[in-house]
């Protein structure tokens, strides 16, 4: 099972030729795209500790692109209309699930994460990974086969790690020290950076798209 971890990255211009060259050479094992005005770098890992692997991957981004800021996990917020479109279902069916009027047994539809707007124009939003898990568990709809996402708890853990103060090694530069399969805490990664440990080989699996979704 491969875990997909979309990370919101600031200060990266996907229209800049020099940046694209750096991504293609050094960060091609991420999926890069711009959506909703945000640059998202999706990290792919089969590690048993995806949080630590993603934290190490964020260090790689900062090493290659010093101006970049890996802000947080993109939780992929969706509305009822988005859910219906992605799942190939009617809007009414999804609305009834969310209202608790269509399925009376088993776990209820995931609770909305937030509400945007006020009054009659208010729109509830959910996280797509939570909806995916529910659809597969209750209706056997495996919309993204062999794909996993971080749990809510793991998202919280990774976001906390991404907010930790940066550290530099003796030469004042970041160094990537882990690939997708490495299980380390961020503290261990920082220690490796300070010791100047060289990175292991990285297998490039995904090309860098130059267009927008």
N, C-alpha and C. Protein backbone atom coordinates (compact mmCIF):
# COMPACT_ATOMS: atom_id res chain seq x y z
N UNK A 1 0.84 -1.20 0.00
CA UNK A 1 0.00 0.00 0.00
C UNK A 1 0.88 1.25 0.00
N UNK A 2 0.60 2.15 -0.90
CA UNK A 2 1.38 3.38 -1.00
C UNK A 2 0.62 4.54 -0.37
N UNK A 3 1.29 5.28 0.47
CA UNK A 3 0.67 6.44 1.11
C UNK A 3 1.00 7.70 0.32
N UNK A 4 -0.03 8.45 -0.01
CA UNK A 4 0.14 9.72 -0.72
C UNK A 4 -0.01 10.86 0.29
N UNK A 5 0.98 11.74 0.33
CA UNK A 5 0.98 12.83 1.30
C UNK A 5 1.16 14.15 0.57
N UNK A 6 0.08 14.88 0.30
CA UNK A 6 0.20 16.17 -0.38
C UNK A 6 0.62 17.26 0.60
N UNK A 7 1.67 17.98 0.26
CA UNK A 7 2.21 19.03 1.12
C UNK A 7 2.07 20.38 0.43
N UNK A 8 1.57 21.36 1.15
CA UNK A 8 1.45 22.72 0.61
C UNK A 8 2.81 23.41 0.76
N UNK A 9 3.34 23.89 -0.36
CA UNK A 9 4.67 24.49 -0.37
C UNK A 9 4.56 25.93 -0.88
N UNK A 10 5.04 26.87 -0.09
CA UNK A 10 5.03 28.29 -0.46
C UNK A 10 6.36 28.68 -1.14
N UNK A 11 6.29 29.79 -1.86
CA UNK A 11 7.48 30.39 -2.48
C UNK A 11 8.14 29.48 -3.52
N UNK A 12 7.31 28.75 -4.25
CA UNK A 12 7.80 27.94 -5.37
C UNK A 12 6.99 28.33 -6.61
N UNK A 13 7.69 28.73 -7.66
CA UNK A 13 7.05 29.17 -8.89
C UNK A 13 7.20 28.09 -9.96
N UNK A 14 6.10 27.41 -10.28
CA UNK A 14 6.15 26.34 -11.26
C UNK A 14 6.21 26.85 -12.69
N UNK A 15 6.18 28.18 -12.86
CA UNK A 15 6.36 28.77 -14.19
C UNK A 15 7.81 29.18 -14.45
N UNK A 16 8.65 29.03 -13.42
CA UNK A 16 10.05 29.43 -13.53
C UNK A 16 10.88 28.27 -14.06
N UNK A 17 11.59 28.49 -15.15
CA UNK A 17 12.36 27.42 -15.79
C UNK A 17 13.45 26.87 -14.89
N UNK A 18 14.12 27.74 -14.15
CA UNK A 18 15.19 27.27 -13.26
C UNK A 18 14.63 26.39 -12.15
N UNK A 19 13.47 26.80 -11.61
CA UNK A 19 12.84 26.00 -10.57
C UNK A 19 12.44 24.64 -11.11
N UNK A 20 11.83 24.62 -12.29
CA UNK A 20 11.42 23.35 -12.90
C UNK A 20 12.60 22.43 -13.14
N UNK A 21 13.73 23.01 -13.49
CA UNK A 21 14.93 22.20 -13.70
C UNK A 21 15.38 21.56 -12.40
N UNK A 22 15.34 22.33 -11.31
CA UNK A 22 15.72 21.79 -10.00
C UNK A 22 14.77 20.67 -9.57
N UNK A 23 13.48 20.87 -9.83
CA UNK A 23 12.50 19.84 -9.48
C UNK A 23 12.75 18.56 -10.27
N UNK A 24 13.02 18.71 -11.55
CA UNK A 24 13.23 17.55 -12.41
C UNK A 24 14.49 16.78 -12.03
N UNK A 25 15.52 17.50 -11.61
CA UNK A 25 16.80 16.86 -11.30
C UNK A 25 16.81 16.28 -9.89
N UNK A 26 16.32 17.05 -8.92
CA UNK A 26 16.49 16.68 -7.51
C UNK A 26 15.23 16.27 -6.77
N UNK A 27 14.06 16.65 -7.29
CA UNK A 27 12.82 16.38 -6.55
C UNK A 27 11.76 15.75 -7.45
N UNK A 28 12.19 14.94 -8.39
CA UNK A 28 11.24 14.34 -9.33
C UNK A 28 10.46 13.18 -8.74
N UNK A 29 10.82 12.74 -7.52
CA UNK A 29 10.04 11.68 -6.90
C UNK A 29 8.85 12.24 -6.12
N UNK A 30 8.58 13.52 -6.28
CA UNK A 30 7.34 14.14 -5.80
C UNK A 30 6.44 14.39 -7.01
N UNK A 31 5.15 14.49 -6.77
CA UNK A 31 4.24 14.96 -7.81
C UNK A 31 3.96 16.43 -7.56
N UNK A 32 4.30 17.29 -8.51
CA UNK A 32 4.17 18.74 -8.33
C UNK A 32 3.01 19.27 -9.16
N UNK A 33 2.19 20.11 -8.55
CA UNK A 33 1.10 20.73 -9.28
C UNK A 33 0.67 22.01 -8.56
N UNK A 34 0.00 22.87 -9.30
CA UNK A 34 -0.59 24.07 -8.72
C UNK A 34 -2.10 23.95 -8.84
N UNK A 35 -2.79 24.05 -7.73
CA UNK A 35 -4.23 23.94 -7.72
C UNK A 35 -4.81 24.90 -6.70
N UNK A 36 -5.85 25.62 -7.09
CA UNK A 36 -6.46 26.58 -6.17
C UNK A 36 -5.52 27.67 -5.73
N UNK A 37 -4.55 28.02 -6.59
CA UNK A 37 -3.60 29.06 -6.24
C UNK A 37 -2.50 28.61 -5.31
N UNK A 38 -2.42 27.31 -5.01
CA UNK A 38 -1.40 26.79 -4.12
C UNK A 38 -0.56 25.74 -4.83
N UNK A 39 0.73 25.72 -4.52
CA UNK A 39 1.61 24.68 -5.03
C UNK A 39 1.57 23.50 -4.06
N UNK A 40 1.30 22.33 -4.60
CA UNK A 40 1.22 21.11 -3.79
C UNK A 40 2.26 20.11 -4.29
N UNK A 41 3.09 19.64 -3.37
CA UNK A 41 4.07 18.59 -3.67
C UNK A 41 3.59 17.31 -2.99
N UNK A 42 3.20 16.33 -3.78
CA UNK A 42 2.71 15.07 -3.21
C UNK A 42 3.86 14.09 -3.06
N UNK A 43 4.03 13.62 -1.84
CA UNK A 43 5.08 12.66 -1.51
C UNK A 43 4.48 11.27 -1.49
N UNK A 44 5.17 10.31 -2.09
CA UNK A 44 4.68 8.94 -2.19
C UNK A 44 5.61 8.03 -1.40
N UNK A 45 5.05 7.23 -0.49
CA UNK A 45 5.91 6.39 0.34
C UNK A 45 5.20 5.08 0.71
N UNK A 46 6.00 4.04 0.85
CA UNK A 46 5.51 2.76 1.36
C UNK A 46 6.09 2.49 2.75
N UNK A 47 6.64 3.51 3.37
CA UNK A 47 7.24 3.38 4.69
C UNK A 47 6.20 2.99 5.73
N UNK A 48 6.63 2.22 6.72
CA UNK A 48 5.74 1.88 7.83
C UNK A 48 5.54 3.07 8.76
N UNK A 49 6.36 4.09 8.61
CA UNK A 49 6.23 5.33 9.38
C UNK A 49 6.17 6.50 8.41
N UNK A 50 5.00 6.70 7.76
CA UNK A 50 4.91 7.74 6.74
C UNK A 50 5.11 9.15 7.26
N UNK A 51 4.81 9.38 8.54
CA UNK A 51 4.99 10.72 9.11
C UNK A 51 6.46 11.09 9.12
N UNK A 52 7.30 10.20 9.64
CA UNK A 52 8.74 10.47 9.68
C UNK A 52 9.32 10.57 8.27
N UNK A 53 8.85 9.71 7.37
CA UNK A 53 9.35 9.75 5.99
C UNK A 53 9.00 11.07 5.33
N UNK A 54 7.78 11.56 5.55
CA UNK A 54 7.36 12.83 4.95
C UNK A 54 8.11 14.00 5.56
N UNK A 55 8.39 13.94 6.87
CA UNK A 55 9.16 15.01 7.51
C UNK A 55 10.56 15.08 6.92
N UNK A 56 11.16 13.93 6.66
CA UNK A 56 12.48 13.91 6.03
C UNK A 56 12.40 14.42 4.60
N UNK A 57 11.31 14.08 3.91
CA UNK A 57 11.14 14.56 2.53
C UNK A 57 11.02 16.08 2.49
N UNK A 58 10.36 16.65 3.50
CA UNK A 58 10.24 18.11 3.57
C UNK A 58 11.61 18.76 3.70
N UNK A 59 12.51 18.11 4.43
CA UNK A 59 13.88 18.63 4.54
C UNK A 59 14.56 18.63 3.17
N UNK A 60 14.26 17.62 2.37
CA UNK A 60 14.85 17.57 1.03
C UNK A 60 14.39 18.75 0.19
N UNK A 61 13.10 19.09 0.29
CA UNK A 61 12.57 20.22 -0.46
C UNK A 61 13.28 21.50 -0.04
N UNK A 62 13.44 21.68 1.27
CA UNK A 62 14.07 22.90 1.78
C UNK A 62 15.55 22.96 1.40
N UNK A 63 16.17 21.81 1.28
CA UNK A 63 17.59 21.79 0.88
C UNK A 63 17.75 22.20 -0.58
N UNK A 64 16.91 21.66 -1.44
CA UNK A 64 17.02 21.96 -2.87
C UNK A 64 16.51 23.36 -3.19
N UNK A 65 15.44 23.77 -2.51
CA UNK A 65 14.83 25.09 -2.74
C UNK A 65 14.84 25.86 -1.42
N UNK A 66 15.94 26.53 -1.08
CA UNK A 66 16.07 27.20 0.22
C UNK A 66 14.98 28.23 0.49
N UNK A 67 14.40 28.81 -0.57
CA UNK A 67 13.36 29.81 -0.37
C UNK A 67 12.01 29.19 -0.08
N UNK A 68 11.88 27.89 -0.30
CA UNK A 68 10.59 27.22 -0.15
C UNK A 68 10.22 27.04 1.32
N UNK A 69 8.93 27.08 1.58
CA UNK A 69 8.41 26.85 2.93
C UNK A 69 7.35 25.75 2.84
N UNK A 70 7.65 24.60 3.45
CA UNK A 70 6.68 23.50 3.48
C UNK A 70 5.73 23.77 4.64
N UNK A 71 4.55 24.26 4.31
CA UNK A 71 3.64 24.79 5.33
C UNK A 71 2.93 23.71 6.14
N UNK A 72 2.24 22.80 5.43
CA UNK A 72 1.40 21.82 6.12
C UNK A 72 0.91 20.79 5.12
N UNK A 73 0.21 19.80 5.65
CA UNK A 73 -0.42 18.79 4.80
C UNK A 73 -1.67 19.39 4.16
N UNK A 74 -1.84 19.15 2.88
CA UNK A 74 -3.08 19.54 2.21
C UNK A 74 -4.12 18.48 2.52
N UNK A 75 -5.12 18.83 3.32
CA UNK A 75 -6.11 17.85 3.76
C UNK A 75 -7.19 17.59 2.71
N UNK A 76 -7.10 18.25 1.57
CA UNK A 76 -8.01 18.00 0.46
C UNK A 76 -9.47 18.21 0.86
N UNK A 77 -9.80 19.45 1.17
CA UNK A 77 -11.17 19.78 1.56
C UNK A 77 -12.10 19.68 0.36
N UNK A 78 -13.27 19.12 0.59
CA UNK A 78 -14.25 18.93 -0.48
C UNK A 78 -15.65 19.27 0.02
N UNK A 79 -16.47 19.75 -0.91
CA UNK A 79 -17.88 20.01 -0.61
C UNK A 79 -18.70 18.78 -1.02
N UNK A 80 -20.00 18.81 -0.76
CA UNK A 80 -20.86 17.71 -1.20
C UNK A 80 -20.81 17.54 -2.71
N UNK A 81 -20.78 18.66 -3.42
CA UNK A 81 -20.70 18.60 -4.88
C UNK A 81 -19.40 17.96 -5.34
N UNK A 82 -18.30 18.29 -4.66
CA UNK A 82 -17.01 17.70 -5.00
C UNK A 82 -17.03 16.19 -4.77
N UNK A 83 -17.60 15.78 -3.64
CA UNK A 83 -17.67 14.36 -3.31
C UNK A 83 -18.47 13.61 -4.36
N UNK A 84 -19.61 14.16 -4.73
CA UNK A 84 -20.46 13.52 -5.74
C UNK A 84 -19.72 13.37 -7.06
N UNK A 85 -19.01 14.42 -7.46
CA UNK A 85 -18.29 14.39 -8.74
C UNK A 85 -17.15 13.37 -8.71
N UNK A 86 -16.40 13.35 -7.62
CA UNK A 86 -15.25 12.43 -7.54
C UNK A 86 -15.70 10.97 -7.46
N UNK A 87 -16.82 10.74 -6.77
CA UNK A 87 -17.29 9.37 -6.57
C UNK A 87 -18.21 8.89 -7.69
N UNK A 88 -18.60 9.81 -8.59
CA UNK A 88 -19.51 9.44 -9.66
C UNK A 88 -20.91 9.14 -9.16
N UNK A 89 -21.34 9.86 -8.13
CA UNK A 89 -22.65 9.65 -7.52
C UNK A 89 -23.49 10.91 -7.66
N UNK A 90 -24.77 10.79 -7.39
CA UNK A 90 -25.64 11.95 -7.46
C UNK A 90 -25.44 12.84 -6.24
N UNK A 91 -25.62 14.13 -6.43
CA UNK A 91 -25.49 15.07 -5.32
C UNK A 91 -26.50 14.74 -4.23
N UNK A 92 -27.70 14.33 -4.62
CA UNK A 92 -28.75 14.03 -3.63
C UNK A 92 -28.37 12.84 -2.77
N UNK A 93 -27.76 11.82 -3.37
CA UNK A 93 -27.35 10.65 -2.59
C UNK A 93 -26.33 11.04 -1.52
N UNK A 94 -25.36 11.84 -1.90
CA UNK A 94 -24.33 12.27 -0.95
C UNK A 94 -24.94 13.18 0.11
N UNK A 95 -25.87 14.03 -0.29
CA UNK A 95 -26.52 14.93 0.67
C UNK A 95 -27.27 14.13 1.72
N UNK A 96 -27.97 13.08 1.30
CA UNK A 96 -28.72 12.25 2.24
C UNK A 96 -27.78 11.50 3.18
N UNK A 97 -26.65 11.03 2.66
CA UNK A 97 -25.67 10.39 3.54
C UNK A 97 -25.20 11.36 4.61
N UNK A 98 -24.83 12.55 4.18
CA UNK A 98 -24.30 13.55 5.11
C UNK A 98 -25.34 13.96 6.14
N UNK A 99 -26.61 13.95 5.74
CA UNK A 99 -27.70 14.33 6.66
C UNK A 99 -28.14 13.17 7.54
N UNK A 100 -27.58 11.98 7.31
CA UNK A 100 -27.95 10.81 8.10
C UNK A 100 -29.31 10.26 7.76
N UNK A 101 -29.79 10.51 6.55
CA UNK A 101 -31.15 10.10 6.18
C UNK A 101 -31.18 8.91 5.23
N UNK A 102 -30.01 8.44 4.81
CA UNK A 102 -30.00 7.35 3.83
C UNK A 102 -29.48 6.05 4.42
N UNK A 103 -28.53 6.12 5.31
CA UNK A 103 -27.98 4.91 5.91
C UNK A 103 -28.18 4.99 7.41
N UNK A 104 -28.87 3.98 7.96
CA UNK A 104 -29.21 4.02 9.39
C UNK A 104 -28.38 3.05 10.22
N UNK A 105 -27.59 2.18 9.58
CA UNK A 105 -26.75 1.24 10.31
C UNK A 105 -25.28 1.54 10.03
N UNK A 106 -24.43 1.07 10.95
CA UNK A 106 -23.00 1.29 10.77
C UNK A 106 -22.58 2.69 11.15
N UNK A 107 -21.33 2.99 10.92
CA UNK A 107 -20.79 4.30 11.27
C UNK A 107 -21.43 5.38 10.40
N UNK A 108 -21.73 6.53 10.99
CA UNK A 108 -22.33 7.61 10.20
C UNK A 108 -21.32 8.21 9.23
N UNK A 109 -21.83 8.99 8.30
CA UNK A 109 -20.98 9.71 7.36
C UNK A 109 -20.03 10.61 8.16
N UNK A 110 -18.79 10.79 7.71
CA UNK A 110 -17.85 11.64 8.47
C UNK A 110 -18.43 13.02 8.77
N UNK A 111 -18.09 13.52 9.93
CA UNK A 111 -18.54 14.86 10.30
C UNK A 111 -17.81 15.89 9.46
N UNK A 112 -18.48 16.98 9.11
CA UNK A 112 -17.79 18.03 8.35
C UNK A 112 -16.66 18.63 9.17
N UNK A 113 -15.59 18.99 8.49
CA UNK A 113 -14.45 19.56 9.19
C UNK A 113 -14.66 21.04 9.51
N UNK A 114 -15.40 21.72 8.66
CA UNK A 114 -15.63 23.15 8.87
C UNK A 114 -16.83 23.60 8.05
N UNK A 115 -17.20 24.84 8.26
CA UNK A 115 -18.30 25.45 7.50
C UNK A 115 -17.83 26.80 6.99
N UNK A 116 -17.98 27.01 5.70
CA UNK A 116 -17.53 28.24 5.06
C UNK A 116 -18.74 29.11 4.76
N UNK A 117 -18.64 30.39 5.11
CA UNK A 117 -19.76 31.30 4.88
C UNK A 117 -20.73 31.31 6.04
N UNK A 118 -21.81 32.06 5.88
CA UNK A 118 -22.79 32.20 6.95
C UNK A 118 -24.20 32.12 6.38
N UNK A 119 -25.12 31.78 7.28
CA UNK A 119 -26.52 31.79 6.89
C UNK A 119 -26.84 30.80 5.78
N UNK A 120 -27.68 31.22 4.85
CA UNK A 120 -28.14 30.34 3.79
C UNK A 120 -27.05 30.02 2.77
N UNK A 121 -26.00 30.82 2.76
CA UNK A 121 -24.91 30.58 1.81
C UNK A 121 -23.78 29.73 2.41
N UNK A 122 -23.95 29.30 3.66
CA UNK A 122 -22.91 28.51 4.31
C UNK A 122 -22.73 27.16 3.60
N UNK A 123 -21.48 26.74 3.48
CA UNK A 123 -21.16 25.47 2.83
C UNK A 123 -20.29 24.64 3.75
N UNK A 124 -20.71 23.41 4.00
CA UNK A 124 -19.92 22.51 4.84
C UNK A 124 -18.85 21.84 3.98
N UNK A 125 -17.70 21.59 4.60
CA UNK A 125 -16.62 20.93 3.88
C UNK A 125 -16.09 19.74 4.69
N UNK A 126 -15.66 18.73 3.95
CA UNK A 126 -15.12 17.50 4.52
C UNK A 126 -13.69 17.30 4.02
N UNK A 127 -12.99 16.33 4.57
CA UNK A 127 -11.69 15.96 4.01
C UNK A 127 -11.88 14.72 3.15
N UNK A 128 -11.33 14.76 1.95
CA UNK A 128 -11.50 13.67 1.01
C UNK A 128 -10.99 12.33 1.55
N UNK A 129 -9.84 12.24 2.22
CA UNK A 129 -9.39 10.95 2.74
C UNK A 129 -10.39 10.31 3.70
N UNK A 130 -11.03 11.10 4.56
CA UNK A 130 -12.01 10.54 5.49
C UNK A 130 -13.22 10.00 4.73
N UNK A 131 -13.64 10.72 3.71
CA UNK A 131 -14.78 10.27 2.91
C UNK A 131 -14.43 8.99 2.16
N UNK A 132 -13.21 8.92 1.63
CA UNK A 132 -12.76 7.72 0.92
C UNK A 132 -12.86 6.48 1.81
N UNK A 133 -12.37 6.60 3.03
CA UNK A 133 -12.39 5.47 3.96
C UNK A 133 -13.82 5.02 4.22
N UNK A 134 -14.72 5.98 4.41
CA UNK A 134 -16.12 5.66 4.69
C UNK A 134 -16.78 4.97 3.50
N UNK A 135 -16.57 5.47 2.31
CA UNK A 135 -17.18 4.89 1.11
C UNK A 135 -16.71 3.46 0.89
N UNK A 136 -15.42 3.21 1.15
CA UNK A 136 -14.91 1.85 0.96
C UNK A 136 -15.46 0.91 2.03
N UNK A 137 -15.53 1.39 3.28
CA UNK A 137 -15.98 0.54 4.38
C UNK A 137 -17.46 0.20 4.28
N UNK A 138 -18.28 1.13 3.81
CA UNK A 138 -19.73 0.92 3.84
C UNK A 138 -20.36 0.60 2.50
N UNK A 139 -19.70 0.94 1.42
CA UNK A 139 -20.27 0.67 0.10
C UNK A 139 -19.29 -0.03 -0.84
N UNK A 140 -18.15 -0.47 -0.29
CA UNK A 140 -17.14 -1.18 -1.08
C UNK A 140 -16.72 -0.40 -2.32
N UNK A 141 -16.72 0.92 -2.21
CA UNK A 141 -16.29 1.77 -3.31
C UNK A 141 -14.81 2.10 -3.12
N UNK A 142 -13.96 1.37 -3.80
CA UNK A 142 -12.51 1.59 -3.70
C UNK A 142 -12.11 2.52 -4.83
N UNK A 143 -12.26 3.82 -4.60
CA UNK A 143 -12.05 4.81 -5.66
C UNK A 143 -10.58 5.06 -5.97
N UNK A 144 -9.70 4.77 -5.02
CA UNK A 144 -8.26 4.94 -5.25
C UNK A 144 -7.54 3.68 -4.78
N UNK A 145 -7.56 2.63 -5.61
CA UNK A 145 -6.98 1.34 -5.21
C UNK A 145 -5.51 1.44 -4.82
N UNK A 146 -5.14 0.67 -3.80
CA UNK A 146 -3.75 0.57 -3.33
C UNK A 146 -3.18 1.92 -2.90
N UNK A 147 -4.07 2.83 -2.50
CA UNK A 147 -3.64 4.16 -2.06
C UNK A 147 -4.15 4.43 -0.66
N UNK A 148 -3.28 4.96 0.17
CA UNK A 148 -3.66 5.35 1.53
C UNK A 148 -3.29 6.81 1.75
N UNK A 149 -3.96 7.43 2.71
CA UNK A 149 -3.64 8.79 3.12
C UNK A 149 -3.39 8.79 4.62
N UNK A 150 -2.79 9.84 5.11
CA UNK A 150 -2.56 9.95 6.55
C UNK A 150 -3.89 10.05 7.29
N UNK A 151 -3.93 9.48 8.49
CA UNK A 151 -5.09 9.65 9.35
C UNK A 151 -5.09 11.08 9.91
N UNK A 152 -6.20 11.45 10.53
CA UNK A 152 -6.28 12.79 11.13
C UNK A 152 -5.17 12.97 12.16
N UNK A 153 -4.93 11.95 12.95
CA UNK A 153 -3.88 12.03 13.97
C UNK A 153 -2.50 12.19 13.32
N UNK A 154 -2.25 11.44 12.27
CA UNK A 154 -0.96 11.54 11.59
C UNK A 154 -0.76 12.91 10.94
N UNK A 155 -1.84 13.47 10.40
CA UNK A 155 -1.76 14.82 9.83
C UNK A 155 -1.35 15.81 10.90
N UNK A 156 -1.96 15.70 12.08
CA UNK A 156 -1.63 16.59 13.19
C UNK A 156 -0.16 16.44 13.58
N UNK A 157 0.31 15.20 13.65
CA UNK A 157 1.71 14.95 14.02
C UNK A 157 2.67 15.55 12.99
N UNK A 158 2.37 15.33 11.71
CA UNK A 158 3.27 15.83 10.67
C UNK A 158 3.26 17.35 10.63
N UNK A 159 2.09 17.96 10.76
CA UNK A 159 2.03 19.42 10.77
C UNK A 159 2.85 20.00 11.92
N UNK A 160 2.83 19.33 13.07
CA UNK A 160 3.62 19.80 14.21
C UNK A 160 5.12 19.70 13.89
N UNK A 161 5.53 18.61 13.24
CA UNK A 161 6.93 18.46 12.88
C UNK A 161 7.36 19.51 11.87
N UNK A 162 6.47 19.83 10.93
CA UNK A 162 6.81 20.82 9.90
C UNK A 162 6.98 22.21 10.48
N UNK A 163 6.39 22.45 11.65
CA UNK A 163 6.49 23.77 12.27
C UNK A 163 7.68 23.90 13.20
N UNK A 164 8.41 22.79 13.43
CA UNK A 164 9.59 22.87 14.29
C UNK A 164 10.63 23.79 13.67
N UNK A 165 11.39 24.53 14.51
CA UNK A 165 12.44 25.41 13.97
C UNK A 165 13.43 24.64 13.14
N UNK A 166 13.87 25.26 12.07
CA UNK A 166 14.85 24.63 11.20
C UNK A 166 16.22 24.60 11.87
N UNK A 167 16.97 23.58 11.52
CA UNK A 167 18.36 23.49 11.97
C UNK A 167 19.25 23.32 10.75
N UNK A 168 20.46 23.78 10.87
CA UNK A 168 21.41 23.65 9.77
C UNK A 168 22.60 22.83 10.23
N UNK A 169 23.28 22.22 9.28
CA UNK A 169 24.48 21.49 9.65
C UNK A 169 25.67 22.44 9.75
N UNK A 170 26.85 21.90 9.97
CA UNK A 170 28.02 22.74 10.20
C UNK A 170 28.33 23.66 9.02
N UNK A 171 27.97 23.22 7.83
CA UNK A 171 28.26 24.02 6.65
C UNK A 171 27.14 25.01 6.34
N UNK A 172 26.14 25.07 7.24
CA UNK A 172 25.08 26.05 7.05
C UNK A 172 24.11 25.69 5.94
N UNK A 173 24.03 24.40 5.58
CA UNK A 173 23.15 24.01 4.49
C UNK A 173 22.36 22.77 4.90
N UNK A 174 21.16 22.69 4.35
CA UNK A 174 20.34 21.50 4.57
C UNK A 174 20.87 20.37 3.71
N UNK A 175 20.74 19.15 4.20
CA UNK A 175 21.07 17.98 3.39
C UNK A 175 19.93 16.97 3.49
N UNK A 176 19.50 16.41 2.35
CA UNK A 176 18.51 15.33 2.43
C UNK A 176 19.17 14.09 3.01
N UNK A 177 18.52 13.44 3.96
CA UNK A 177 19.14 12.29 4.60
C UNK A 177 18.27 11.05 4.55
N UNK A 178 17.12 11.10 3.87
CA UNK A 178 16.25 9.95 3.90
C UNK A 178 15.48 9.81 2.60
N UNK A 179 15.11 8.60 2.28
CA UNK A 179 14.24 8.34 1.15
C UNK A 179 12.91 7.85 1.68
N UNK A 180 12.01 7.48 0.78
CA UNK A 180 10.64 7.15 1.19
C UNK A 180 10.58 5.99 2.17
N UNK A 181 11.53 5.07 2.14
CA UNK A 181 11.44 3.89 2.98
C UNK A 181 12.11 4.03 4.33
N UNK A 182 12.63 5.17 4.68
CA UNK A 182 13.37 5.34 5.93
C UNK A 182 12.42 5.72 7.06
N UNK A 183 12.58 5.07 8.20
CA UNK A 183 11.75 5.37 9.37
C UNK A 183 12.61 6.09 10.40
N UNK A 184 12.38 7.38 10.55
CA UNK A 184 13.14 8.18 11.51
C UNK A 184 12.24 9.27 12.08
N UNK A 185 12.52 9.66 13.31
CA UNK A 185 11.85 10.83 13.84
C UNK A 185 12.57 12.06 13.32
N UNK A 186 11.92 13.20 13.38
CA UNK A 186 12.56 14.42 12.89
C UNK A 186 13.79 14.75 13.73
N UNK A 187 13.74 14.40 15.02
CA UNK A 187 14.91 14.63 15.86
C UNK A 187 16.12 13.85 15.37
N UNK A 188 15.90 12.61 14.93
CA UNK A 188 16.99 11.81 14.39
C UNK A 188 17.49 12.40 13.08
N UNK A 189 16.56 12.93 12.28
CA UNK A 189 16.96 13.57 11.03
C UNK A 189 17.83 14.77 11.31
N UNK A 190 17.41 15.60 12.29
CA UNK A 190 18.20 16.77 12.64
C UNK A 190 19.60 16.37 13.10
N UNK A 191 19.68 15.30 13.90
CA UNK A 191 20.98 14.84 14.38
C UNK A 191 21.86 14.41 13.21
N UNK A 192 21.25 13.74 12.24
CA UNK A 192 22.01 13.32 11.07
C UNK A 192 22.51 14.52 10.28
N UNK A 193 21.69 15.55 10.20
CA UNK A 193 22.09 16.76 9.49
C UNK A 193 23.30 17.39 10.15
N UNK A 194 23.26 17.45 11.48
CA UNK A 194 24.36 18.08 12.21
C UNK A 194 25.65 17.29 12.06
N UNK A 195 25.52 15.96 11.87
CA UNK A 195 26.70 15.12 11.71
C UNK A 195 27.18 15.07 10.27
N UNK A 196 26.40 15.69 9.35
CA UNK A 196 26.81 15.72 7.95
C UNK A 196 26.68 14.38 7.26
N UNK A 197 25.67 13.59 7.63
CA UNK A 197 25.48 12.28 7.02
C UNK A 197 25.06 12.45 5.57
N UNK A 198 25.65 11.68 4.69
CA UNK A 198 25.31 11.76 3.27
C UNK A 198 24.01 11.02 3.01
N UNK A 199 23.21 11.48 2.03
CA UNK A 199 21.94 10.83 1.73
C UNK A 199 22.15 9.52 1.00
N UNK A 200 21.16 8.62 1.15
CA UNK A 200 21.17 7.39 0.38
C UNK A 200 20.60 7.64 -1.00
N UNK A 201 20.68 6.66 -1.88
CA UNK A 201 20.17 6.84 -3.24
C UNK A 201 18.66 6.97 -3.25
N UNK A 202 18.15 7.80 -4.12
CA UNK A 202 16.72 8.00 -4.27
C UNK A 202 16.29 7.50 -5.64
N UNK A 203 15.25 6.69 -5.67
CA UNK A 203 14.74 6.18 -6.93
C UNK A 203 13.70 7.15 -7.47
N UNK A 204 13.92 7.69 -8.65
CA UNK A 204 13.00 8.63 -9.25
C UNK A 204 11.85 7.86 -9.88
N UNK A 205 10.63 8.13 -9.46
CA UNK A 205 9.49 7.36 -9.93
C UNK A 205 8.44 8.21 -10.62
N UNK A 206 8.45 9.52 -10.40
CA UNK A 206 7.41 10.36 -10.96
C UNK A 206 8.02 11.54 -11.69
N UNK A 207 7.56 11.79 -12.89
CA UNK A 207 8.03 12.95 -13.64
C UNK A 207 7.38 14.20 -13.10
N UNK A 208 8.00 15.33 -13.35
CA UNK A 208 7.46 16.61 -12.89
C UNK A 208 6.54 17.18 -13.96
N UNK A 209 5.24 17.35 -13.67
CA UNK A 209 4.35 17.94 -14.67
C UNK A 209 4.61 19.42 -14.80
N UNK A 210 4.54 19.93 -15.99
CA UNK A 210 4.77 21.36 -16.20
C UNK A 210 3.48 22.13 -16.33
N UNK A 211 2.35 21.43 -16.42
CA UNK A 211 1.07 22.12 -16.53
C UNK A 211 0.35 22.18 -15.21
N UNK A 212 -0.80 22.77 -15.22
CA UNK A 212 -1.62 22.87 -14.02
C UNK A 212 -2.83 21.97 -14.16
N UNK A 213 -3.34 21.50 -13.02
CA UNK A 213 -4.52 20.66 -13.05
C UNK A 213 -5.75 21.51 -13.17
